[in-house]
């Protein structure tokens, strides 16, 4: 494990999105993530995997977010199709 670094945006985004991260911040500072200043944040140290592992984790969650977005778009399209078919059926 190494100290927290800002070199991998995808990994950091995944880390900041976790409930455990939010709880640790609140426990450490008695604040929510939105109330933490840059100075507060720079003083905090978070154990993280080595950079190569961070890249893999970040890429995985980025791909997962992309896949979720695709499925959400597909769901919207299917709902629109259903609505159109129901409207045509009951005209």
C-alpha atoms as a PDB file:
ATOM      1  CA  UNK A   1       0.000   0.000   0.000  1.00  0.00           C
ATOM      2  CA  UNK A   2       1.134   3.523  -0.698  1.00  0.00           C
ATOM      3  CA  UNK A   3       0.006   7.019   0.216  1.00  0.00           C
ATOM      4  CA  UNK A   4      -2.954   8.568  -1.600  1.00  0.00           C
ATOM      5  CA  UNK A   5      -1.900  10.356  -4.790  1.00  0.00           C
ATOM      6  CA  UNK A   6      -3.876  12.322  -7.348  1.00  0.00           C
ATOM      7  CA  UNK A   7      -2.318  10.638 -10.372  1.00  0.00           C
ATOM      8  CA  UNK A   8      -5.246   8.483 -11.435  1.00  0.00           C
ATOM      9  CA  UNK A   9      -8.529  10.340 -11.861  1.00  0.00           C
ATOM     10  CA  UNK A  10     -10.659   7.255 -12.548  1.00  0.00           C
ATOM     11  CA  UNK A  11      -9.454   5.525  -9.386  1.00  0.00           C
ATOM     12  CA  UNK A  12      -9.876   8.657  -7.275  1.00  0.00           C
ATOM     13  CA  UNK A  13     -13.395   9.136  -8.626  1.00  0.00           C
ATOM     14  CA  UNK A  14     -14.257   5.557  -7.674  1.00  0.00           C
ATOM     15  CA  UNK A  15     -12.717   6.009  -4.212  1.00  0.00           C
ATOM     16  CA  UNK A  16     -14.544   9.266  -3.515  1.00  0.00           C
ATOM     17  CA  UNK A  17     -17.836   7.639  -4.513  1.00  0.00           C
ATOM     18  CA  UNK A  18     -17.719   4.892  -1.901  1.00  0.00           C
ATOM     19  CA  UNK A  19     -19.829   4.918   1.238  1.00  0.00           C
ATOM     20  CA  UNK A  20     -16.817   3.781   3.266  1.00  0.00           C
ATOM     21  CA  UNK A  21     -14.817   6.809   2.109  1.00  0.00           C
ATOM     22  CA  UNK A  22     -17.660   9.142   3.083  1.00  0.00           C
ATOM     23  CA  UNK A  23     -17.933   7.494   6.512  1.00  0.00           C
ATOM     24  CA  UNK A  24     -14.187   7.726   7.126  1.00  0.00           C
ATOM     25  CA  UNK A  25     -14.141  11.406   6.209  1.00  0.00           C
ATOM     26  CA  UNK A  26     -17.052  12.100   8.535  1.00  0.00           C
ATOM     27  CA  UNK A  27     -15.445  10.074  11.318  1.00  0.00           C
ATOM     28  CA  UNK A  28     -12.086  11.833  10.872  1.00  0.00           C
ATOM     29  CA  UNK A  29     -13.336  15.377  10.487  1.00  0.00           C
ATOM     30  CA  UNK A  30     -16.950  15.328  11.637  1.00  0.00           C
ATOM     31  CA  UNK A  31     -17.908  16.714   8.240  1.00  0.00           C
ATOM     32  CA  UNK A  32     -19.308  15.612   4.921  1.00  0.00           C
ATOM     33  CA  UNK A  33     -17.113  15.546   1.825  1.00  0.00           C
ATOM     34  CA  UNK A  34     -18.736  18.798   0.608  1.00  0.00           C
ATOM     35  CA  UNK A  35     -17.546  20.607   3.754  1.00  0.00           C
ATOM     36  CA  UNK A  36     -13.884  19.616   3.483  1.00  0.00           C
ATOM     37  CA  UNK A  37     -11.459  22.292   2.347  1.00  0.00           C
ATOM     38  CA  UNK A  38      -8.513  21.585   0.098  1.00  0.00           C
ATOM     39  CA  UNK A  39      -6.238  22.086   3.091  1.00  0.00           C
ATOM     40  CA  UNK A  40      -8.207  19.514   5.142  1.00  0.00           C
ATOM     41  CA  UNK A  41      -8.108  17.051   2.283  1.00  0.00           C
ATOM     42  CA  UNK A  42      -4.389  17.492   1.678  1.00  0.00           C
ATOM     43  CA  UNK A  43      -3.742  16.609   5.325  1.00  0.00           C
ATOM     44  CA  UNK A  44      -5.580  13.288   5.047  1.00  0.00           C
ATOM     45  CA  UNK A  45      -3.769  10.091   4.113  1.00  0.00           C
ATOM     46  CA  UNK A  46      -5.637   7.177   2.578  1.00  0.00           C
ATOM     47  CA  UNK A  47      -4.072   3.765   2.029  1.00  0.00           C
ATOM     48  CA  UNK A  48      -4.296   2.839  -1.635  1.00  0.00           C
ATOM     49  CA  UNK A  49      -3.039   0.074  -3.881  1.00  0.00           C
ATOM     50  CA  UNK A  50       0.000   0.608  -6.076  1.00  0.00           C
ATOM     51  CA  UNK A  51      -0.506   2.805  -9.144  1.00  0.00           C
ATOM     52  CA  UNK A  52      -0.856  -0.120 -11.580  1.00  0.00           C
ATOM     53  CA  UNK A  53      -3.659  -1.594  -9.487  1.00  0.00           C
ATOM     54  CA  UNK A  54      -5.296   1.840  -9.231  1.00  0.00           C
ATOM     55  CA  UNK A  55      -5.306   2.008 -13.028  1.00  0.00           C
ATOM     56  CA  UNK A  56      -7.014  -1.376 -13.271  1.00  0.00           C
ATOM     57  CA  UNK A  57      -9.619  -0.463 -10.647  1.00  0.00           C
ATOM     58  CA  UNK A  58     -10.266   2.924 -12.237  1.00  0.00           C
ATOM     59  CA  UNK A  59     -10.600   1.435 -15.724  1.00  0.00           C
ATOM     60  CA  UNK A  60     -12.988  -1.235 -14.428  1.00  0.00           C
ATOM     61  CA  UNK A  61     -15.325   1.289 -12.824  1.00  0.00           C
ATOM     62  CA  UNK A  62     -15.122   3.637 -15.805  1.00  0.00           C
ATOM     63  CA  UNK A  63     -16.180   0.754 -18.071  1.00  0.00           C
ATOM     64  CA  UNK A  64     -18.913  -0.214 -15.616  1.00  0.00           C
ATOM     65  CA  UNK A  65     -20.274   3.354 -15.620  1.00  0.00           C
ATOM     66  CA  UNK A  66     -20.244   3.318 -19.434  1.00  0.00           C
ATOM     67  CA  UNK A  67     -22.104  -0.011 -19.514  1.00  0.00           C
ATOM     68  CA  UNK A  68     -24.704   1.274 -17.045  1.00  0.00           C
ATOM     69  CA  UNK A  69     -25.230   4.383 -19.181  1.00  0.00           C
ATOM     70  CA  UNK A  70     -25.754   2.217 -22.268  1.00  0.00           C
ATOM     71  CA  UNK A  71     -28.325   0.081 -20.468  1.00  0.00           C
ATOM     72  CA  UNK A  72     -30.121   3.164 -19.164  1.00  0.00           C
ATOM     73  CA  UNK A  73     -30.346   4.514 -22.723  1.00  0.00           C
ATOM     74  CA  UNK A  74     -31.646   1.138 -23.924  1.00  0.00           C
ATOM     75  CA  UNK A  75     -34.259   1.176 -21.141  1.00  0.00           C
ATOM     76  CA  UNK A  76     -35.384   4.669 -22.162  1.00  0.00           C
ATOM     77  CA  UNK A  77     -35.708   3.529 -25.773  1.00  0.00           C
ATOM     78  CA  UNK A  78     -37.724   0.461 -24.771  1.00  0.00           C
ATOM     79  CA  UNK A  79     -40.056   2.564 -22.615  1.00  0.00           C
ATOM     80  CA  UNK A  80     -40.587   4.945 -25.537  1.00  0.00           C
ATOM     81  CA  UNK A  81     -41.307   1.991 -27.825  1.00  0.00           C
ATOM     82  CA  UNK A  82     -43.790   0.563 -25.306  1.00  0.00           C
ATOM     83  CA  UNK A  83     -45.569   3.907 -25.049  1.00  0.00           C
ATOM     84  CA  UNK A  84     -45.757   4.222 -28.833  1.00  0.00           C
ATOM     85  CA  UNK A  85     -47.095   0.684 -29.253  1.00  0.00           C
ATOM     86  CA  UNK A  86     -49.702   1.189 -26.518  1.00  0.00           C
ATOM     87  CA  UNK A  87     -50.824   4.433 -28.152  1.00  0.00           C
ATOM     88  CA  UNK A  88     -51.140   2.699 -31.523  1.00  0.00           C
ATOM     89  CA  UNK A  89     -52.969  -0.243 -29.999  1.00  0.00           C
ATOM     90  CA  UNK A  90     -55.630   1.854 -28.273  1.00  0.00           C
ATOM     91  CA  UNK A  91     -56.300   4.466 -30.963  1.00  0.00           C
END
